[in-house]
């Protein structure tokens, strides 16, 4: 195969300003010695695809260290709608990510409407809270109808707020924001790292601009055309797998929950389901707090596991402080208005309300801890104007590096094989790096997964074999 294009330094740079302490603080991470963060923004067209006029502001953060070569082109990193990229970047740097800076700067791009990219404020406080609680405390025995009524109001508020861009917040438009960065920089091609939904954005970019990609790293990806129901079920399976892995480790390390950690989780969820949740928390709030703590761990594996165990043990004995912190972190990180708008814009082939009612029952049996909450989550997008999948990449001249996590509570683990097929169909060879741990993003949470990424970044060549990283 021809050599992959070079990753070039921007000819035309953005006007960067130092934001090191602000961005580290916003991510609740201690600043790292020798690492500098700069912030900038640029305007992208609201909707070149459908021709609605206007612009959106896109926020980017550049990380460099004292070791970053001045003549090295950037790695562009996005987490899409999963969480703001500007929040995940400092977390990554505080783990193994700073190793990347020895060869390349990293530039994170926040998805439009999220984080530094004009965070949307379009739902009223009541609707936001009701959606977070999945309308659990409303009367009647049809949660699908209750949540659906709230969602209808929220959808109208948000589509009114973003008009004329009510179909401008999907993966395809997020990819155009990245293309605007490339043309602003005036570089021939970009090195892209997409994690989770960010991998879908990077794939969409490779579909619409196949000859503008110098490197393509897809971590914990989902295929572009995945249906809402399949994506949700994969996530729920990932939540169950992550919970099992955590419970096994909890037992092995004598964590504060005794011999049966999963029973403690069940008891807590049952309490919440019956209206006696810690501090009045809904079952959705408790389930989300657990899966977010597992998906975005802070600190080492055992410490993170113990923190979650402590929060659950405390809550069961009446002290809700730790668990409330986890609930608030999960809501702030994953349930913003911009995330509602973007995730619903990407939700394809949505189920009918009656199908959701069936799944509430079926998934409760199959996935006892997370199934019902997962099924009801789909109601949130049922009123959103429906969109279409971005075009699959066809003629990719460069190889693709894929990464996956065995126990991923944010997207599950089945996307890697599906996206490998996408790459093969596009004529792109690929290798996989699989981490057997718990979390969302092997690149971020496994130091073993990073060397193949750095090597590929430098050379444009794939490792000779797949890599398996232990938990």
Protein backbone atom coordinates (compact mmCIF):
# COMPACT_ATOMS: atom_id res chain seq x y z
CA UNK A 1 0.00 0.00 0.00
CA UNK A 2 1.16 3.60 -0.59
CA UNK A 3 2.69 5.36 2.40
CA UNK A 4 0.19 7.20 4.59
CA UNK A 5 0.35 10.99 4.16
CA UNK A 6 2.44 12.98 6.63
CA UNK A 7 0.75 14.61 9.61
CA UNK A 8 1.59 18.25 8.89
CA UNK A 9 1.93 21.33 11.07
CA UNK A 10 -0.86 23.88 10.52
CA UNK A 11 0.17 26.57 8.02
CA UNK A 12 -2.41 28.92 9.45
CA UNK A 13 -2.89 28.61 13.17
CA UNK A 14 -5.83 29.54 15.36
CA UNK A 15 -5.41 32.29 17.96
CA UNK A 16 -4.59 30.17 20.99
CA UNK A 17 -4.62 31.45 24.58
CA UNK A 18 -3.38 29.66 27.66
CA UNK A 19 -6.15 27.89 29.58
CA UNK A 20 -4.12 25.25 31.44
CA UNK A 21 -5.46 25.76 34.95
CA UNK A 22 -9.06 26.43 33.84
CA UNK A 23 -9.40 23.27 31.71
CA UNK A 24 -7.67 20.98 34.22
CA UNK A 25 -9.87 22.41 37.00
CA UNK A 26 -13.06 21.98 34.94
CA UNK A 27 -12.19 18.29 34.51
CA UNK A 28 -11.34 17.98 38.24
CA UNK A 29 -7.81 16.85 37.36
CA UNK A 30 -4.60 18.23 38.84
CA UNK A 31 -2.51 20.13 36.29
CA UNK A 32 0.53 18.16 35.11
CA UNK A 33 4.03 19.59 35.35
CA UNK A 34 5.35 20.56 31.92
CA UNK A 35 1.98 20.21 30.16
CA UNK A 36 0.37 23.32 28.68
CA UNK A 37 -3.22 23.65 27.45
CA UNK A 38 -4.30 26.39 25.05
CA UNK A 39 -7.87 27.17 24.01
CA UNK A 40 -9.23 28.59 20.77
CA UNK A 41 -12.45 28.62 18.81
CA UNK A 42 -13.44 28.93 15.18
CA UNK A 43 -16.69 29.44 13.29
CA UNK A 44 -18.14 26.59 11.25
CA UNK A 45 -21.12 26.80 8.92
CA UNK A 46 -24.36 25.84 10.61
CA UNK A 47 -25.54 23.61 7.81
CA UNK A 48 -23.74 23.29 4.48
CA UNK A 49 -25.41 19.89 4.02
CA UNK A 50 -29.01 21.15 3.98
CA UNK A 51 -28.22 24.76 3.12
CA UNK A 52 -29.52 26.52 6.27
CA UNK A 53 -27.40 29.63 6.80
CA UNK A 54 -25.63 30.71 9.97
CA UNK A 55 -22.56 29.63 11.93
CA UNK A 56 -21.72 27.74 15.10
CA UNK A 57 -18.69 28.29 17.30
CA UNK A 58 -16.46 25.25 17.80
CA UNK A 59 -14.16 25.11 20.83
CA UNK A 60 -10.80 23.35 20.73
CA UNK A 61 -8.05 22.68 23.27
CA UNK A 62 -4.42 22.07 22.31
CA UNK A 63 -2.14 20.11 24.62
CA UNK A 64 1.64 20.36 24.35
CA UNK A 65 4.48 19.52 26.70
CA UNK A 66 8.04 20.73 27.02
CA UNK A 67 8.97 17.69 24.89
CA UNK A 68 6.53 18.25 22.00
CA UNK A 69 8.51 18.85 18.78
CA UNK A 70 7.75 22.22 17.17
CA UNK A 71 7.56 20.61 13.73
CA UNK A 72 5.02 17.91 14.65
CA UNK A 73 1.47 17.97 13.30
CA UNK A 74 -1.45 17.57 15.73
CA UNK A 75 -3.50 14.51 16.63
CA UNK A 76 -7.15 15.63 16.48
CA UNK A 77 -9.15 13.92 19.19
CA UNK A 78 -12.91 13.82 19.72
CA UNK A 79 -15.28 12.01 22.06
CA UNK A 80 -18.30 13.27 20.13
CA UNK A 81 -21.50 13.50 22.15
CA UNK A 82 -20.42 11.04 24.89
CA UNK A 83 -18.92 13.86 26.95
CA UNK A 84 -17.05 17.07 26.07
CA UNK A 85 -13.68 16.22 24.49
CA UNK A 86 -12.24 19.12 26.53
CA UNK A 87 -13.16 17.23 29.71
CA UNK A 88 -11.75 13.87 28.59
CA UNK A 89 -8.46 15.34 27.32
CA UNK A 90 -7.11 16.34 30.78
CA UNK A 91 -8.19 12.96 32.18
CA UNK A 92 -6.30 11.19 29.38
CA UNK A 93 -3.21 13.34 29.90
CA UNK A 94 -3.25 12.56 33.63
CA UNK A 95 -3.12 8.84 32.81
CA UNK A 96 -0.89 7.78 29.89
CA UNK A 97 -1.94 10.40 27.34
CA UNK A 98 0.99 12.70 28.02
CA UNK A 99 3.20 10.10 26.27
CA UNK A 100 1.60 11.15 22.97
CA UNK A 101 2.91 14.68 23.52
CA UNK A 102 6.50 13.47 23.14
CA UNK A 103 5.81 13.15 19.41
CA UNK A 104 2.64 15.19 18.64
CA UNK A 105 0.44 17.89 20.12
CA UNK A 106 -3.16 16.78 20.78
CA UNK A 107 -6.08 19.01 19.78
CA UNK A 108 -9.48 18.10 21.22
CA UNK A 109 -12.64 19.23 19.42
CA UNK A 110 -15.88 19.63 21.37
CA UNK A 111 -18.94 18.58 19.44
CA UNK A 112 -21.26 21.48 18.50
CA UNK A 113 -23.74 22.34 21.24
CA UNK A 114 -21.57 20.66 23.91
CA UNK A 115 -18.84 21.86 26.26
CA UNK A 116 -16.81 24.69 24.72
CA UNK A 117 -18.72 24.54 21.43
CA UNK A 118 -21.66 26.74 22.36
CA UNK A 119 -23.21 24.49 25.02
CA UNK A 120 -26.97 24.52 24.41
CA UNK A 121 -29.48 25.52 27.05
CA UNK A 122 -32.88 24.58 25.63
CA UNK A 123 -34.87 22.46 28.09
CA UNK A 124 -36.54 23.99 31.10
CA UNK A 125 -35.37 22.84 34.50
CA UNK A 126 -38.45 20.71 35.15
CA UNK A 127 -38.23 18.82 31.84
CA UNK A 128 -34.50 18.25 32.28
CA UNK A 129 -35.01 16.80 35.76
CA UNK A 130 -37.98 14.65 34.69
CA UNK A 131 -35.98 13.23 31.78
CA UNK A 132 -33.07 12.49 34.11
CA UNK A 133 -35.47 10.64 36.44
CA UNK A 134 -37.28 9.03 33.47
CA UNK A 135 -40.48 10.57 34.91
CA UNK A 136 -40.43 7.83 37.57
CA UNK A 137 -42.37 9.82 40.16
CA UNK A 138 -45.34 10.71 37.94
CA UNK A 139 -48.66 9.00 38.54
CA UNK A 140 -50.05 6.14 36.47
CA UNK A 141 -48.50 2.89 35.34
CA UNK A 142 -47.29 3.82 31.85
CA UNK A 143 -43.77 5.24 32.19
CA UNK A 144 -43.39 5.25 28.39
CA UNK A 145 -46.35 7.62 28.03
CA UNK A 146 -45.24 9.80 30.97
CA UNK A 147 -41.69 10.18 29.71
CA UNK A 148 -42.96 10.60 26.15
CA UNK A 149 -45.12 13.59 27.12
CA UNK A 150 -42.19 15.36 28.81
CA UNK A 151 -39.92 14.52 25.90
CA UNK A 152 -42.33 16.07 23.42
CA UNK A 153 -42.15 19.43 25.22
CA UNK A 154 -38.37 19.21 25.54
CA UNK A 155 -38.00 18.35 21.86
CA UNK A 156 -40.07 21.36 20.81
CA UNK A 157 -38.08 23.68 23.12
CA UNK A 158 -34.80 22.45 21.69
CA UNK A 159 -35.73 22.36 18.00
CA UNK A 160 -37.07 25.94 18.40
CA UNK A 161 -33.81 27.02 20.06
CA UNK A 162 -31.56 25.60 17.33
CA UNK A 163 -33.77 26.54 14.34
CA UNK A 164 -32.98 26.75 11.44
CA UNK A 165 -30.41 24.12 12.45
CA UNK A 166 -32.80 21.49 13.76
CA UNK A 167 -31.21 18.87 11.51
CA UNK A 168 -27.66 20.23 11.89
CA UNK A 169 -26.55 18.38 15.03
CA UNK A 170 -25.81 14.87 13.77
CA UNK A 171 -22.62 12.90 13.09
CA UNK A 172 -22.36 14.22 9.52
CA UNK A 173 -22.39 17.85 10.70
CA UNK A 174 -19.90 17.09 13.47
CA UNK A 175 -17.61 15.73 10.73
CA UNK A 176 -17.98 19.00 8.77
CA UNK A 177 -16.83 20.92 11.86
CA UNK A 178 -13.63 18.86 11.72
CA UNK A 179 -13.27 19.58 8.00
CA UNK A 180 -13.56 23.31 8.79
CA UNK A 181 -10.65 22.89 11.22
CA UNK A 182 -8.58 21.24 8.47
CA UNK A 183 -9.28 23.97 5.90
CA UNK A 184 -8.59 26.69 8.50
CA UNK A 185 -5.25 25.07 9.29
CA UNK A 186 -4.62 24.61 5.57
CA UNK A 187 -3.19 21.09 5.97
CA UNK A 188 -3.71 18.33 3.38
CA UNK A 189 -4.93 15.66 5.83
CA UNK A 190 -5.69 15.07 9.51
CA UNK A 191 -4.66 12.46 12.06
CA UNK A 192 -7.93 11.55 13.81
CA UNK A 193 -8.62 9.77 17.08
CA UNK A 194 -12.31 9.17 17.77
CA UNK A 195 -13.52 7.55 20.99
CA UNK A 196 -17.07 6.18 21.28
CA UNK A 197 -19.40 8.53 19.42
CA UNK A 198 -16.24 10.39 18.41
CA UNK A 199 -15.26 7.29 16.42
CA UNK A 200 -18.56 7.58 14.52
CA UNK A 201 -17.74 11.24 13.81
CA UNK A 202 -14.26 10.24 12.57
CA UNK A 203 -15.82 7.50 10.40
CA UNK A 204 -18.32 10.00 8.99
CA UNK A 205 -15.37 12.29 8.21
CA UNK A 206 -13.59 9.43 6.43
CA UNK A 207 -16.80 8.85 4.47
CA UNK A 208 -17.20 12.45 3.30
CA UNK A 209 -13.47 13.33 3.00
CA UNK A 210 -11.63 10.03 2.39
CA UNK A 211 -8.50 11.64 0.93
CA UNK A 212 -8.17 14.11 3.82
CA UNK A 213 -7.34 11.48 6.45
CA UNK A 214 -3.70 10.84 7.38
CA UNK A 215 -4.39 8.53 10.37
CA UNK A 216 -7.60 6.93 11.57
CA UNK A 217 -7.75 5.60 15.14
CA UNK A 218 -11.19 4.36 16.19
CA UNK A 219 -11.54 3.49 19.87
CA UNK A 220 -14.72 1.84 21.20
CA UNK A 221 -16.51 2.61 17.93
CA UNK A 222 -20.05 2.00 16.73
CA UNK A 223 -20.95 1.52 13.07
CA UNK A 224 -22.48 4.57 11.36
CA UNK A 225 -25.83 3.00 10.50
CA UNK A 226 -26.53 1.25 13.82
CA UNK A 227 -30.19 1.39 14.90
CA UNK A 228 -31.22 2.97 18.20
CA UNK A 229 -32.39 -0.36 19.63
CA UNK A 230 -29.23 -2.29 18.71
CA UNK A 231 -26.99 0.50 20.03
CA UNK A 232 -28.93 0.67 23.30
CA UNK A 233 -28.88 -3.09 23.81
CA UNK A 234 -25.11 -3.17 23.21
CA UNK A 235 -24.69 -0.44 25.82
CA UNK A 236 -26.87 -2.33 28.32
CA UNK A 237 -24.86 -5.53 27.73
CA UNK A 238 -21.72 -3.47 28.34
CA UNK A 239 -23.16 -2.10 31.59
CA UNK A 240 -23.96 -5.62 32.77
CA UNK A 241 -20.46 -6.86 31.80
CA UNK A 242 -18.80 -3.91 33.55
CA UNK A 243 -20.87 -4.51 36.69
CA UNK A 244 -19.91 -8.21 36.69
CA UNK A 245 -16.20 -7.40 36.23
CA UNK A 246 -16.40 -4.84 39.03
CA UNK A 247 -18.23 -7.26 41.37
CA UNK A 248 -15.64 -10.00 40.74
CA UNK A 249 -12.80 -7.60 41.49
CA UNK A 250 -14.66 -6.24 44.51
CA UNK A 251 -14.89 -9.74 46.01
CA UNK A 252 -11.24 -10.45 45.27
CA UNK A 253 -10.04 -7.26 46.97
CA UNK A 254 -12.32 -7.52 50.03
CA UNK A 255 -14.11 -4.30 49.13
CA UNK A 256 -16.57 -2.71 51.59
CA UNK A 257 -19.56 -4.63 50.16
CA UNK A 258 -18.71 -8.06 51.52
CA UNK A 259 -19.00 -11.36 49.65
CA UNK A 260 -21.87 -10.41 47.29
CA UNK A 261 -21.39 -6.90 45.86
CA UNK A 262 -23.98 -7.45 43.13
CA UNK A 263 -26.68 -8.22 45.70
CA UNK A 264 -25.90 -4.86 47.34
CA UNK A 265 -26.36 -3.12 43.98
CA UNK A 266 -29.65 -4.98 43.44
CA UNK A 267 -30.89 -3.94 46.86
CA UNK A 268 -30.04 -0.30 46.15
CA UNK A 269 -31.73 -0.34 42.73
CA UNK A 270 -34.82 -2.06 44.16
CA UNK A 271 -35.01 0.56 46.91
CA UNK A 272 -34.81 3.33 44.28
CA UNK A 273 -37.37 1.61 42.06
CA UNK A 274 -39.80 1.48 44.97
CA UNK A 275 -39.36 5.19 45.66
CA UNK A 276 -36.99 4.83 48.61
CA UNK A 277 -33.82 5.70 46.72
CA UNK A 278 -30.95 7.43 48.55
CA UNK A 279 -31.96 11.08 49.00
CA UNK A 280 -35.05 10.34 46.90
CA UNK A 281 -32.97 9.36 43.86
CA UNK A 282 -34.67 7.68 40.91
CA UNK A 283 -33.63 4.22 39.73
CA UNK A 284 -32.32 5.82 36.52
CA UNK A 285 -30.14 8.23 38.52
CA UNK A 286 -28.64 5.37 40.56
CA UNK A 287 -28.09 3.12 37.51
CA UNK A 288 -26.48 6.01 35.57
CA UNK A 289 -24.25 6.89 38.52
CA UNK A 290 -22.96 3.31 38.63
CA UNK A 291 -22.37 2.94 34.89
CA UNK A 292 -20.74 6.39 34.65
CA UNK A 293 -18.38 5.62 37.54
CA UNK A 294 -17.41 2.39 35.76
CA UNK A 295 -17.18 3.99 32.31
CA UNK A 296 -15.10 6.99 33.33
CA UNK A 297 -12.96 5.71 36.22
CA UNK A 298 -10.88 8.11 38.29
CA UNK A 299 -7.60 6.75 39.63
CA UNK A 300 -6.48 3.12 39.49
CA UNK A 301 -8.69 0.11 38.93
CA UNK A 302 -8.88 -1.10 42.54
CA UNK A 303 -9.26 2.43 43.96
CA UNK A 304 -12.08 3.27 41.55
CA UNK A 305 -13.80 -0.03 42.32
CA UNK A 306 -13.54 0.62 46.04
CA UNK A 307 -14.85 4.19 45.69
CA UNK A 308 -17.99 2.86 44.03
CA UNK A 309 -18.32 0.12 46.66
CA UNK A 310 -17.98 2.71 49.44
CA UNK A 311 -20.65 4.92 47.87
CA UNK A 312 -23.05 1.97 47.71
CA UNK A 313 -22.22 0.74 51.23
CA UNK A 314 -22.66 4.27 52.66
CA UNK A 315 -25.96 4.79 50.86
CA UNK A 316 -27.32 1.52 52.19
CA UNK A 317 -26.52 2.62 55.74
CA UNK A 318 -28.12 6.03 55.25
CA UNK A 319 -25.17 8.25 54.27
CA UNK A 320 -25.91 9.41 50.74
CA UNK A 321 -23.02 11.85 50.29
CA UNK A 322 -20.74 9.77 48.09
CA UNK A 323 -23.54 8.37 45.96
CA UNK A 324 -25.06 11.83 45.48
CA UNK A 325 -21.68 13.01 44.22
CA UNK A 326 -21.63 10.15 41.70
CA UNK A 327 -25.21 10.94 40.64
CA UNK A 328 -24.39 14.63 40.14
CA UNK A 329 -21.19 13.82 38.24
CA UNK A 330 -23.08 11.45 35.95
CA UNK A 331 -25.79 14.01 35.23
CA UNK A 332 -23.30 16.83 34.53
CA UNK A 333 -21.09 14.64 32.38
CA UNK A 334 -23.71 12.83 30.28
CA UNK A 335 -27.15 14.47 30.42
CA UNK A 336 -26.74 18.03 29.12
CA UNK A 337 -29.10 19.67 26.63
CA UNK A 338 -26.42 19.52 23.91
CA UNK A 339 -26.05 15.79 24.46
CA UNK A 340 -29.84 15.35 24.22
CA UNK A 341 -29.89 17.24 20.91
CA UNK A 342 -26.88 15.45 19.40
CA UNK A 343 -27.65 11.90 20.55
CA UNK A 344 -31.25 12.16 19.35
CA UNK A 345 -30.10 13.60 16.02
CA UNK A 346 -28.01 10.42 15.62
CA UNK A 347 -30.68 7.97 16.83
CA UNK A 348 -31.66 5.96 13.73
CA UNK A 349 -34.61 3.60 13.08
CA UNK A 350 -36.13 4.32 16.47
CA UNK A 351 -38.55 1.86 18.06
CA UNK A 352 -42.26 2.65 18.47
CA UNK A 353 -43.57 3.38 21.98
CA UNK A 354 -45.18 -0.08 22.01
CA UNK A 355 -41.87 -1.72 21.11
CA UNK A 356 -40.27 0.14 24.04
CA UNK A 357 -43.03 -1.17 26.32
CA UNK A 358 -42.16 -4.72 25.20
CA UNK A 359 -38.45 -4.12 25.80
CA UNK A 360 -39.06 -2.69 29.28
CA UNK A 361 -40.41 -6.14 30.18
CA UNK A 362 -38.01 -8.29 28.12
CA UNK A 363 -34.83 -6.44 29.04
CA UNK A 364 -35.75 -6.38 32.72
CA UNK A 365 -35.54 -10.19 32.62
CA UNK A 366 -32.40 -10.36 30.45
CA UNK A 367 -30.47 -7.48 32.00
CA UNK A 368 -31.77 -7.17 35.57
CA UNK A 369 -29.70 -4.18 36.69
CA UNK A 370 -29.74 -1.95 33.60
CA UNK A 371 -32.34 -3.28 31.15
CA UNK A 372 -35.41 -1.26 32.09
CA UNK A 373 -33.54 2.03 32.42
CA UNK A 374 -31.88 1.35 29.06
CA UNK A 375 -35.19 0.63 27.33
CA UNK A 376 -36.83 3.77 28.74
CA UNK A 377 -33.86 5.89 27.64
CA UNK A 378 -34.95 5.30 24.05
CA UNK A 379 -38.18 7.21 24.69
CA UNK A 380 -36.14 10.43 24.95
CA UNK A 381 -35.53 10.48 21.19
CA UNK A 382 -38.90 9.27 19.91
CA UNK A 383 -40.17 12.79 19.10
CA UNK A 384 -36.94 14.14 17.62
CA UNK A 385 -37.02 14.78 13.83
CA UNK A 386 -35.53 11.66 12.26
CA UNK A 387 -32.26 11.81 10.35
CA UNK A 388 -30.23 9.47 8.19
CA UNK A 389 -26.88 7.74 8.59
CA UNK A 390 -23.78 9.44 7.18
CA UNK A 391 -22.25 7.90 4.09
CA UNK A 392 -19.95 4.92 4.79
CA UNK A 393 -16.31 5.40 3.73
CA UNK A 394 -15.54 3.76 0.39
CA UNK A 395 -12.07 4.48 -0.87
CA UNK A 396 -9.76 4.75 2.13
CA UNK A 397 -6.11 4.84 1.15
CA UNK A 398 -4.81 4.51 4.71
CA UNK A 399 -4.94 1.70 7.28
CA UNK A 400 -7.25 1.92 10.31
CA UNK A 401 -6.30 1.18 13.91
CA UNK A 402 -9.21 -0.14 16.00
CA UNK A 403 -9.37 -0.31 19.79
CA UNK A 404 -11.96 -1.89 22.04
CA UNK A 405 -12.71 -2.60 25.69
CA UNK A 406 -14.12 -5.90 26.87
CA UNK A 407 -16.32 -4.32 29.56
CA UNK A 408 -17.52 -0.97 28.23
CA UNK A 409 -20.62 0.41 30.00
CA UNK A 410 -21.02 3.33 27.57
CA UNK A 411 -21.16 1.56 24.19
CA UNK A 412 -20.59 -2.14 24.83
CA UNK A 413 -17.93 -4.11 22.97
CA UNK A 414 -19.58 -5.33 19.76
CA UNK A 415 -18.85 -2.25 17.66
CA UNK A 416 -15.21 -3.16 17.00
CA UNK A 417 -16.02 -6.17 14.81
CA UNK A 418 -18.75 -4.25 12.96
CA UNK A 419 -16.44 -1.30 12.25
CA UNK A 420 -13.63 -3.65 11.17
CA UNK A 421 -16.05 -4.78 8.46
CA UNK A 422 -16.68 -1.12 7.51
CA UNK A 423 -12.92 -0.58 7.17
CA UNK A 424 -12.46 -3.71 5.06
CA UNK A 425 -15.32 -2.65 2.77
CA UNK A 426 -13.61 0.73 2.39
CA UNK A 427 -10.40 -1.01 1.29
CA UNK A 428 -8.57 -0.17 4.51
CA UNK A 429 -6.51 -2.79 6.32
CA UNK A 430 -6.86 -2.79 10.10
CA UNK A 431 -5.44 -4.11 13.35
CA UNK A 432 -7.12 -4.33 16.73
CA UNK A 433 -5.98 -3.44 20.21
CA UNK A 434 -8.30 -5.05 22.77
CA UNK A 435 -8.20 -4.16 26.46
CA UNK A 436 -9.75 -6.60 28.89
CA UNK A 437 -10.56 -3.96 31.49
CA UNK A 438 -13.53 -1.77 32.42
CA UNK A 439 -14.00 1.73 30.98
CA UNK A 440 -14.87 3.73 27.89
CA UNK A 441 -11.79 4.08 25.72
CA UNK A 442 -8.77 1.76 25.72
CA UNK A 443 -6.56 4.67 24.64
CA UNK A 444 -7.57 6.63 27.72
CA UNK A 445 -7.61 3.97 30.42
CA UNK A 446 -5.03 1.35 29.39
CA UNK A 447 -1.35 2.27 29.26
CA UNK A 448 -0.77 -0.98 27.33
CA UNK A 449 -3.11 0.14 24.52
CA UNK A 450 -1.26 3.38 23.86
CA UNK A 451 2.13 2.30 22.38
CA UNK A 452 0.54 0.81 19.21
CA UNK A 453 -1.38 4.09 18.76
CA UNK A 454 1.76 6.22 19.13
CA UNK A 455 3.69 3.95 16.75
CA UNK A 456 0.94 4.17 14.12
CA UNK A 457 0.77 7.95 14.55
CA UNK A 458 4.49 8.25 13.87
CA UNK A 459 4.85 5.78 11.01
CA UNK A 460 1.40 5.50 9.45
CA UNK A 461 1.90 1.73 9.56
CA UNK A 462 -0.17 -0.76 11.53
CA UNK A 463 1.37 -3.08 14.12
CA UNK A 464 2.16 -6.49 12.63
CA UNK A 465 -0.32 -8.25 14.94
CA UNK A 466 -3.38 -7.53 17.05
CA UNK A 467 -2.62 -6.53 20.65
CA UNK A 468 -4.30 -7.89 23.77
CA UNK A 469 -4.00 -5.85 26.95
CA UNK A 470 -4.83 -7.43 30.32
CA UNK A 471 -7.22 -5.72 32.73
